Amino acid sequence: MLDDMTELVKQGWLGRLDVVNVEVRAELARDLGVRTVPWVRIGPFALSGARRRAELLDWIGRVGRPDGMADYFHSLLRDGHLAQVLDAVRRHPDALAALLPIVANPEASINVRIGAGVVFEEFAGQAPMRALTDHFGRLTGHDDARVRADACHYLSLTRSPTARPYLERCQQDDDGMVREIASEGLAALDG
């Protein structure tokens, strides 16, 4: 992997490569949250384990893309790394919005959807969650009832008064599950 990274620097795909021997610089590894090697950070993406050159190039291509962080969080949740997502959002609370595409994707696996839910619950009532109120509100108009139901639940977690009109509208939804979660959400806002 080191050879691949060095070659990516030579070819201009990466502007810089810092190599650290974690046996010599254990404190740096600890500060970065490195628990396994090899470990690499490409832009905002911290990747553990051996990666092939094609995968490294793929992550390089995601740096700076609007959907890059959403892809990263999806990958972490799919692979069972919820703690990394929580750590990332704690460090950069505005990154919470990168979980919205997971909510909007009815084809996302259940473990990814549940992981996103755990992160949203961690930030219930906090400013980064309240900032997503209108985004969740728009998802209450999604074609898929599961997405609408999840959006209603997350609207209640915003604890924002501006969530109320969305939840009230969802009490008239065609789907019984959506109506029930909307009612529960309104009760949570009132409680």
C-alpha atoms as a PDB file:
ATOM      1  CA  MET A   1       0.000   0.000   0.000  1.00  0.00           C
ATOM      2  CA  LEU A   2       2.887   2.347   0.752  1.00  0.00           C
ATOM      3  CA  ASP A   3       4.237   1.700  -2.747  1.00  0.00           C
ATOM      4  CA  ASP A   4       0.826   2.517  -4.240  1.00  0.00           C
ATOM      5  CA  MET A   5       0.549   5.728  -2.213  1.00  0.00           C
ATOM      6  CA  THR A   6       4.066   6.767  -3.226  1.00  0.00           C
ATOM      7  CA  GLU A   7       3.211   6.145  -6.864  1.00  0.00           C
ATOM      8  CA  LEU A   8       0.008   8.217  -6.520  1.00  0.00           C
ATOM      9  CA  VAL A   9       2.136  11.128  -5.250  1.00  0.00           C
ATOM     10  CA  LYS A  10       4.554  10.747  -8.167  1.00  0.00           C
ATOM     11  CA  GLN A  11       1.656  10.728 -10.634  1.00  0.00           C
ATOM     12  CA  GLY A  12       0.123  13.854  -9.099  1.00  0.00           C
ATOM     13  CA  TRP A  13      -3.006  12.233  -7.654  1.00  0.00           C
ATOM     14  CA  LEU A  14      -1.855  13.201  -4.157  1.00  0.00           C
ATOM     15  CA  GLY A  15      -0.029  16.394  -3.251  1.00  0.00           C
ATOM     16  CA  ARG A  16       1.662  15.018  -0.175  1.00  0.00           C
ATOM     17  CA  LEU A  17       2.333  11.793   1.661  1.00  0.00           C
ATOM     18  CA  ASP A  18       3.255  11.655   5.342  1.00  0.00           C
ATOM     19  CA  VAL A  19       4.431   8.253   6.536  1.00  0.00           C
ATOM     20  CA  VAL A  20       4.510   7.524  10.263  1.00  0.00           C
ATOM     21  CA  ASN A  21       6.008   4.542  12.034  1.00  0.00           C
ATOM     22  CA  VAL A  22       3.445   3.972  14.812  1.00  0.00           C
ATOM     23  CA  GLU A  23       5.943   2.014  16.899  1.00  0.00           C
ATOM     24  CA  VAL A  24       8.118   5.114  17.057  1.00  0.00           C
ATOM     25  CA  ARG A  25       5.283   7.702  17.164  1.00  0.00           C
ATOM     26  CA  ALA A  26       2.594   5.895  19.178  1.00  0.00           C
ATOM     27  CA  GLU A  27       1.257   9.201  20.545  1.00  0.00           C
ATOM     28  CA  LEU A  28       0.500  10.434  17.032  1.00  0.00           C
ATOM     29  CA  ALA A  29      -1.349   7.231  16.207  1.00  0.00           C
ATOM     30  CA  ARG A  30      -3.368   7.609  19.414  1.00  0.00           C
ATOM     31  CA  ASP A  31      -4.188  11.270  18.654  1.00  0.00           C
ATOM     32  CA  LEU A  32      -5.385  10.320  15.165  1.00  0.00           C
ATOM     33  CA  GLY A  33      -7.487   7.443  16.486  1.00  0.00           C
ATOM     34  CA  VAL A  34      -5.470   4.844  14.586  1.00  0.00           C
ATOM     35  CA  ARG A  35      -6.315   1.391  15.888  1.00  0.00           C
ATOM     36  CA  THR A  36      -5.072  -0.786  13.017  1.00  0.00           C
ATOM     37  CA  VAL A  37      -2.458  -0.522  10.325  1.00  0.00           C
ATOM     38  CA  PRO A  38      -2.254   0.156   7.544  1.00  0.00           C
ATOM     39  CA  TRP A  39      -4.223   3.339   8.020  1.00  0.00           C
ATOM     40  CA  VAL A  40      -4.491   6.270   5.628  1.00  0.00           C
ATOM     41  CA  ARG A  41      -6.253   9.609   5.592  1.00  0.00           C
ATOM     42  CA  ILE A  42      -7.238  10.942   2.201  1.00  0.00           C
ATOM     43  CA  GLY A  43      -8.833  14.344   2.660  1.00  0.00           C
ATOM     44  CA  PRO A  44     -11.514  13.848   5.337  1.00  0.00           C
ATOM     45  CA  PHE A  45     -11.621  10.067   4.853  1.00  0.00           C
ATOM     46  CA  ALA A  46      -9.776   7.895   7.396  1.00  0.00           C
ATOM     47  CA  LEU A  47      -9.429   4.407   5.940  1.00  0.00           C
ATOM     48  CA  SER A  48      -8.276   1.368   7.913  1.00  0.00           C
ATOM     49  CA  GLY A  49      -6.876  -1.827   6.488  1.00  0.00           C
ATOM     50  CA  ALA A  50      -5.140  -2.667   3.260  1.00  0.00           C
ATOM     51  CA  ARG A  51      -6.572  -0.899   0.198  1.00  0.00           C
ATOM     52  CA  ARG A  52      -5.849  -1.530  -3.434  1.00  0.00           C
ATOM     53  CA  ARG A  53      -4.686   1.249  -5.728  1.00  0.00           C
ATOM     54  CA  ALA A  54      -8.056   1.424  -7.510  1.00  0.00           C
ATOM     55  CA  GLU A  55      -9.842   1.916  -4.196  1.00  0.00           C
ATOM     56  CA  LEU A  56      -7.384   4.616  -3.133  1.00  0.00           C
ATOM     57  CA  LEU A  57      -7.989   6.405  -6.429  1.00  0.00           C
ATOM     58  CA  ASP A  58     -11.735   6.114  -5.880  1.00  0.00           C
ATOM     59  CA  TRP A  59     -11.477   7.801  -2.459  1.00  0.00           C
ATOM     60  CA  ILE A  60      -9.167  10.477  -3.881  1.00  0.00           C
ATOM     61  CA  GLY A  61     -11.864  11.196  -6.471  1.00  0.00           C
ATOM     62  CA  ARG A  62     -14.482  11.622  -3.723  1.00  0.00           C
ATOM     63  CA  VAL A  63     -12.560  14.352  -1.888  1.00  0.00           C
ATOM     64  CA  GLY A  64     -14.427  17.612  -2.271  1.00  0.00           C
ATOM     65  CA  ARG A  65     -17.456  16.031  -3.945  1.00  0.00           C
ATOM     66  CA  PRO A  66     -20.800  16.904  -2.356  1.00  0.00           C
ATOM     67  CA  ASP A  67     -21.656  13.215  -1.952  1.00  0.00           C
ATOM     68  CA  GLY A  68     -18.174  12.178  -0.799  1.00  0.00           C
ATOM     69  CA  MET A  69     -18.861  12.349   2.934  1.00  0.00           C
ATOM     70  CA  ALA A  70     -22.223  10.595   2.468  1.00  0.00           C
ATOM     71  CA  ASP A  71     -20.430   7.761   0.661  1.00  0.00           C
ATOM     72  CA  TYR A  72     -17.821   7.631   3.411  1.00  0.00           C
ATOM     73  CA  PHE A  73     -20.425   7.423   6.196  1.00  0.00           C
ATOM     74  CA  HIS A  74     -22.372   4.802   4.248  1.00  0.00           C
ATOM     75  CA  SER A  75     -19.202   2.726   3.871  1.00  0.00           C
ATOM     76  CA  LEU A  76     -18.352   3.013   7.568  1.00  0.00           C
ATOM     77  CA  LEU A  77     -21.863   2.084   8.693  1.00  0.00           C
ATOM     78  CA  ARG A  78     -22.051  -0.809   6.237  1.00  0.00           C
ATOM     79  CA  ASP A  79     -18.812  -2.172   7.673  1.00  0.00           C
ATOM     80  CA  GLY A  80     -19.948  -1.735  11.289  1.00  0.00           C
ATOM     81  CA  HIS A  81     -17.864   1.316  12.185  1.00  0.00           C
ATOM     82  CA  LEU A  82     -20.551   3.391  13.882  1.00  0.00           C
ATOM     83  CA  ALA A  83     -18.071   4.785  16.411  1.00  0.00           C
ATOM     84  CA  GLN A  84     -16.029   6.362  13.596  1.00  0.00           C
ATOM     85  CA  VAL A  85     -19.119   8.103  12.228  1.00  0.00           C
ATOM     86  CA  LEU A  86     -20.045   9.374  15.688  1.00  0.00           C
ATOM     87  CA  ASP A  87     -16.484  10.634  16.233  1.00  0.00           C
ATOM     88  CA  ALA A  88     -16.450  12.384  12.855  1.00  0.00           C
ATOM     89  CA  VAL A  89     -19.759  14.144  13.490  1.00  0.00           C
ATOM     90  CA  ARG A  90     -18.719  15.126  17.023  1.00  0.00           C
ATOM     91  CA  ARG A  91     -15.609  16.776  15.564  1.00  0.00           C
ATOM     92  CA  HIS A  92     -17.530  18.380  12.682  1.00  0.00           C
ATOM     93  CA  PRO A  93     -21.238  18.651  13.594  1.00  0.00           C
ATOM     94  CA  ASP A  94     -22.189  20.046  10.184  1.00  0.00           C
ATOM     95  CA  ALA A  95     -21.220  16.631   8.760  1.00  0.00           C
ATOM     96  CA  LEU A  96     -24.476  15.288  10.248  1.00  0.00           C
ATOM     97  CA  ALA A  97     -26.162  16.392   7.006  1.00  0.00           C
ATOM     98  CA  ALA A  98     -24.084  13.813   5.116  1.00  0.00           C
ATOM     99  CA  LEU A  99     -26.360  11.125   6.586  1.00  0.00           C
ATOM    100  CA  LEU A 100     -29.433  12.529   4.798  1.00  0.00           C
ATOM    101  CA  PRO A 101     -28.851  10.520   1.584  1.00  0.00           C
ATOM    102  CA  ILE A 102     -29.015   7.339   3.670  1.00  0.00           C
ATOM    103  CA  VAL A 103     -32.427   8.328   5.022  1.00  0.00           C
ATOM    104  CA  ALA A 104     -33.592   9.202   1.501  1.00  0.00           C
ATOM    105  CA  ASN A 105     -32.455   5.843   0.086  1.00  0.00           C
ATOM    106  CA  PRO A 106     -35.050   3.114   0.702  1.00  0.00           C
ATOM    107  CA  GLU A 107     -32.575   0.576  -0.716  1.00  0.00           C
ATOM    108  CA  ALA A 108     -29.945   1.275   1.948  1.00  0.00           C
ATOM    109  CA  SER A 109     -29.340  -1.814   4.060  1.00  0.00           C
ATOM    110  CA  ILE A 110     -31.000  -2.035   7.442  1.00  0.00           C
ATOM    111  CA  ASN A 111     -27.714  -1.865   9.363  1.00  0.00           C
ATOM    112  CA  VAL A 112     -26.768   1.338   7.525  1.00  0.00           C
ATOM    113  CA  ARG A 113     -30.209   2.875   8.177  1.00  0.00           C
ATOM    114  CA  ILE A 114     -30.104   1.886  11.853  1.00  0.00           C
ATOM    115  CA  GLY A 115     -26.571   3.263  12.186  1.00  0.00           C
ATOM    116  CA  ALA A 116     -27.659   6.602  10.724  1.00  0.00           C
ATOM    117  CA  GLY A 117     -30.554   6.613  13.186  1.00  0.00           C
ATOM    118  CA  VAL A 118     -28.201   6.079  16.126  1.00  0.00           C
ATOM    119  CA  VAL A 119     -26.149   9.076  15.027  1.00  0.00           C
ATOM    120  CA  PHE A 120     -29.238  11.268  14.642  1.00  0.00           C
ATOM    121  CA  GLU A 121     -30.448  10.195  18.098  1.00  0.00           C
ATOM    122  CA  GLU A 122     -27.073  11.124  19.571  1.00  0.00           C
ATOM    123  CA  PHE A 123     -27.650  14.707  18.372  1.00  0.00           C
ATOM    124  CA  ALA A 124     -31.351  14.939  19.288  1.00  0.00           C
ATOM    125  CA  GLY A 125     -32.376  18.489  20.125  1.00  0.00           C
ATOM    126  CA  GLN A 126     -28.947  19.914  19.325  1.00  0.00           C
ATOM    127  CA  ALA A 127     -28.317  22.687  16.810  1.00  0.00           C
ATOM    128  CA  PRO A 128     -26.899  20.403  14.055  1.00  0.00           C
ATOM    129  CA  MET A 129     -30.050  18.270  14.235  1.00  0.00           C
ATOM    130  CA  ARG A 130     -32.392  21.284  14.299  1.00  0.00           C
ATOM    131  CA  ALA A 131     -30.602  22.596  11.206  1.00  0.00           C
ATOM    132  CA  LEU A 132     -31.855  19.522   9.308  1.00  0.00           C
ATOM    133  CA  THR A 133     -35.551  20.113  10.074  1.00  0.00           C
ATOM    134  CA  ASP A 134     -36.501  21.310   6.587  1.00  0.00           C
ATOM    135  CA  HIS A 135     -34.448  18.534   4.979  1.00  0.00           C
ATOM    136  CA  PHE A 136     -36.357  15.918   6.968  1.00  0.00           C
ATOM    137  CA  GLY A 137     -39.547  17.816   6.198  1.00  0.00           C
ATOM    138  CA  ARG A 138     -38.933  17.462   2.467  1.00  0.00           C
ATOM    139  CA  LEU A 139     -38.408  13.730   2.941  1.00  0.00           C
ATOM    140  CA  THR A 140     -41.948  13.448   4.321  1.00  0.00           C
ATOM    141  CA  GLY A 141     -43.037  13.828   0.688  1.00  0.00           C
ATOM    142  CA  HIS A 142     -40.920  10.888  -0.534  1.00  0.00           C
ATOM    143  CA  ASP A 143     -42.591   8.133  -2.584  1.00  0.00           C
ATOM    144  CA  ASP A 144     -41.477   5.395  -0.181  1.00  0.00           C
ATOM    145  CA  ALA A 145     -43.414   5.085   3.093  1.00  0.00           C
ATOM    146  CA  ARG A 146     -40.313   3.865   4.981  1.00  0.00           C
ATOM    147  CA  VAL A 147     -38.508   7.081   4.114  1.00  0.00           C
ATOM    148  CA  ARG A 148     -41.524   9.161   5.149  1.00  0.00           C
ATOM    149  CA  ALA A 149     -41.803   7.263   8.444  1.00  0.00           C
ATOM    150  CA  ASP A 150     -38.103   7.685   9.228  1.00  0.00           C
ATOM    151  CA  ALA A 151     -38.334  11.382   8.336  1.00  0.00           C
ATOM    152  CA  CYS A 152     -41.187  11.783  10.819  1.00  0.00           C
ATOM    153  CA  HIS A 153     -39.160  10.115  13.546  1.00  0.00           C
ATOM    154  CA  TYR A 154     -36.151  12.299  12.853  1.00  0.00           C
ATOM    155  CA  LEU A 155     -38.328  15.411  12.758  1.00  0.00           C
ATOM    156  CA  SER A 156     -39.315  14.662  16.340  1.00  0.00           C
ATOM    157  CA  LEU A 157     -35.622  14.372  17.253  1.00  0.00           C
ATOM    158  CA  THR A 158     -34.978  17.895  15.990  1.00  0.00           C
ATOM    159  CA  ARG A 159     -37.190  19.158  18.827  1.00  0.00           C
ATOM    160  CA  SER A 160     -37.809  22.147  16.608  1.00  0.00           C
ATOM    161  CA  PRO A 161     -41.206  23.875  16.524  1.00  0.00           C
ATOM    162  CA  THR A 162     -40.788  24.154  12.749  1.00  0.00           C
ATOM    163  CA  ALA A 163     -41.130  20.352  12.545  1.00  0.00           C
ATOM    164  CA  ARG A 164     -44.776  20.584  13.633  1.00  0.00           C
ATOM    165  CA  PRO A 165     -46.365  21.429  10.236  1.00  0.00           C
ATOM    166  CA  TYR A 166     -44.568  18.525   8.562  1.00  0.00           C
ATOM    167  CA  LEU A 167     -45.691  16.098  11.239  1.00  0.00           C
ATOM    168  CA  GLU A 168     -49.256  17.422  11.182  1.00  0.00           C
ATOM    169  CA  ARG A 169     -49.397  16.902   7.424  1.00  0.00           C
ATOM    170  CA  CYS A 170     -48.095  13.352   7.848  1.00  0.00           C
ATOM    171  CA  GLN A 171     -50.993  12.530  10.168  1.00  0.00           C
ATOM    172  CA  GLN A 172     -53.011  12.437   6.921  1.00  0.00           C
ATOM    173  CA  ASP A 173     -50.567  10.148   5.093  1.00  0.00           C
ATOM    174  CA  ASP A 174     -51.920   7.141   3.168  1.00  0.00           C
ATOM    175  CA  ASP A 175     -49.662   4.814   5.152  1.00  0.00           C
ATOM    176  CA  GLY A 176     -50.712   3.863   8.683  1.00  0.00           C
ATOM    177  CA  MET A 177     -47.138   3.519   9.934  1.00  0.00           C
ATOM    178  CA  VAL A 178     -46.341   7.071   8.769  1.00  0.00           C
ATOM    179  CA  ARG A 179     -49.474   8.413  10.471  1.00  0.00           C
ATOM    180  CA  GLU A 180     -48.589   6.650  13.721  1.00  0.00           C
ATOM    181  CA  ILE A 181     -44.986   7.866  13.788  1.00  0.00           C
ATOM    182  CA  ALA A 182     -46.133  11.399  12.917  1.00  0.00           C
ATOM    183  CA  SER A 183     -48.544  11.346  15.867  1.00  0.00           C
ATOM    184  CA  GLU A 184     -45.841  10.019  18.159  1.00  0.00           C
ATOM    185  CA  GLY A 185     -43.521  12.744  16.865  1.00  0.00           C
ATOM    186  CA  LEU A 186     -46.031  15.463  17.654  1.00  0.00           C
ATOM    187  CA  ALA A 187     -46.479  14.043  21.152  1.00  0.00           C
ATOM    188  CA  ALA A 188     -42.699  14.075  21.596  1.00  0.00           C
ATOM    189  CA  LEU A 189     -42.560  17.717  20.503  1.00  0.00           C
ATOM    190  CA  ASP A 190     -45.268  18.561  23.041  1.00  0.00           C
ATOM    191  CA  GLY A 191     -43.604  16.522  25.817  1.00  0.00           C
END
